[in-house]
Amino acid sequence: MMEIVNQVFLDRFEEDQAVLYLGDDTSSMKKIILPREMLPENVSDGDHLTIKIDVDQEATTDAEDEAISILQRLKNRKRDDKS
C-alpha cells in the first residue's frame, strides 16, 4: 500500500473550521478547510502538521461489493416486475 504524506501549515481557525495550507512553496500552496474537530485538540495557529493519505482497500472492496449487490437486486426486481 502506498502512503502519501503531506505537510500542512495551520494558518488560523475561523469559528469551527481550520484553515490550512498544503505545500512547501508559498507561491503554490493550496488552501484546505477542515472541520476543527478533525484536528488534535492541542494544535494552534502557526503549527505545522502532517496529513497521511492512503487507500483503505478493505472499505473500497466492501463498497464495491455493496454496489454490485444493490444493482443485482434492482435488476432482479425489474425482471420479476415483467413476469
Protein backbone atom coordinates (compact mmCIF):
# COMPACT_ATOMS: atom_id res chain seq x y z
CA MET A 1 0.00 0.00 0.00
CA MET A 2 1.35 3.39 -0.98
CA GLU A 3 1.01 6.13 1.60
CA ILE A 4 1.16 9.83 0.75
CA VAL A 5 2.46 12.17 3.45
CA ASN A 6 1.76 15.90 3.18
CA GLN A 7 2.98 18.74 5.34
CA VAL A 8 0.43 21.44 6.11
CA PHE A 9 0.57 24.74 7.94
CA LEU A 10 -2.31 25.70 10.25
CA ASP A 11 -2.91 29.34 9.40
CA ARG A 12 -5.92 30.07 11.57
CA PHE A 13 -9.28 28.98 12.93
CA GLU A 14 -12.49 30.52 11.64
CA GLU A 15 -15.26 29.51 14.03
CA ASP A 16 -15.43 25.70 13.76
CA GLN A 17 -13.15 25.47 10.73
CA ALA A 18 -9.39 25.20 10.43
CA VAL A 19 -7.69 26.98 7.53
CA LEU A 20 -4.61 25.03 6.46
CA TYR A 21 -2.13 25.46 3.64
CA LEU A 22 -0.65 22.48 1.83
CA GLY A 23 2.77 22.63 0.19
CA ASP A 24 6.28 23.91 0.73
CA ASP A 25 6.45 26.72 -1.81
CA THR A 26 4.42 29.76 -0.71
CA SER A 27 3.62 30.65 -4.33
CA SER A 28 1.89 27.32 -4.96
CA MET A 29 0.37 26.46 -1.58
CA LYS A 30 -3.20 25.14 -1.66
CA LYS A 31 -5.74 26.20 0.93
CA ILE A 32 -7.60 23.41 2.72
CA ILE A 33 -10.57 23.92 5.03
CA LEU A 34 -11.27 21.17 7.57
CA PRO A 35 -13.67 20.95 10.49
CA ARG A 36 -11.81 21.89 13.67
CA GLU A 37 -12.81 18.58 15.27
CA MET A 38 -10.68 16.68 12.72
CA LEU A 39 -7.50 18.17 14.23
CA PRO A 40 -5.81 17.27 17.52
CA GLU A 41 -7.09 19.31 20.46
CA ASN A 42 -3.73 20.85 21.28
CA VAL A 43 -2.99 22.50 17.88
CA SER A 44 -2.83 26.24 17.45
CA ASP A 45 -2.25 28.85 14.78
CA GLY A 46 1.17 28.50 13.21
CA ASP A 47 1.58 24.78 13.87
CA HIS A 48 2.93 22.52 11.15
CA LEU A 49 1.06 19.24 10.79
CA THR A 50 1.39 16.02 8.84
CA ILE A 51 -1.51 14.57 6.87
CA LYS A 52 -1.21 10.96 5.75
CA ILE A 53 -3.39 9.66 2.94
CA ASP A 54 -3.62 6.03 1.93
CA VAL A 55 -6.16 3.76 0.27
CA ASP A 56 -8.42 1.74 2.55
CA GLN A 57 -8.64 -1.27 0.25
CA GLU A 58 -10.98 -3.18 2.55
CA ALA A 59 -13.50 -0.31 2.64
CA THR A 60 -13.20 0.13 -1.13
CA THR A 61 -13.87 -3.56 -1.75
CA ASP A 62 -16.80 -3.57 0.70
CA ALA A 63 -18.35 -0.54 -1.05
CA GLU A 64 -17.92 -2.14 -4.48
CA ASP A 65 -19.49 -5.38 -3.24
CA GLU A 66 -22.44 -3.48 -1.77
CA ALA A 67 -22.97 -1.54 -5.02
CA ILE A 68 -22.93 -4.76 -7.05
CA SER A 69 -25.41 -6.35 -4.62
CA ILE A 70 -27.79 -3.39 -4.91
CA LEU A 71 -27.59 -3.39 -8.70
CA GLN A 72 -28.25 -7.12 -8.80
CA ARG A 73 -31.33 -6.75 -6.55
CA LEU A 74 -32.65 -3.93 -8.78
CA LYS A 75 -32.05 -6.00 -11.89
CA ASN A 76 -33.87 -8.98 -10.35
CA ARG A 77 -36.75 -6.73 -9.26
CA LYS A 78 -37.19 -5.39 -12.80
CA ARG A 79 -37.15 -8.94 -14.16
CA ASP A 80 -39.81 -10.00 -11.59
CA ASP A 81 -41.99 -6.99 -12.47
CA LYS A 82 -42.05 -8.06 -16.14
CA SER A 83 -43.36 -11.52 -15.24
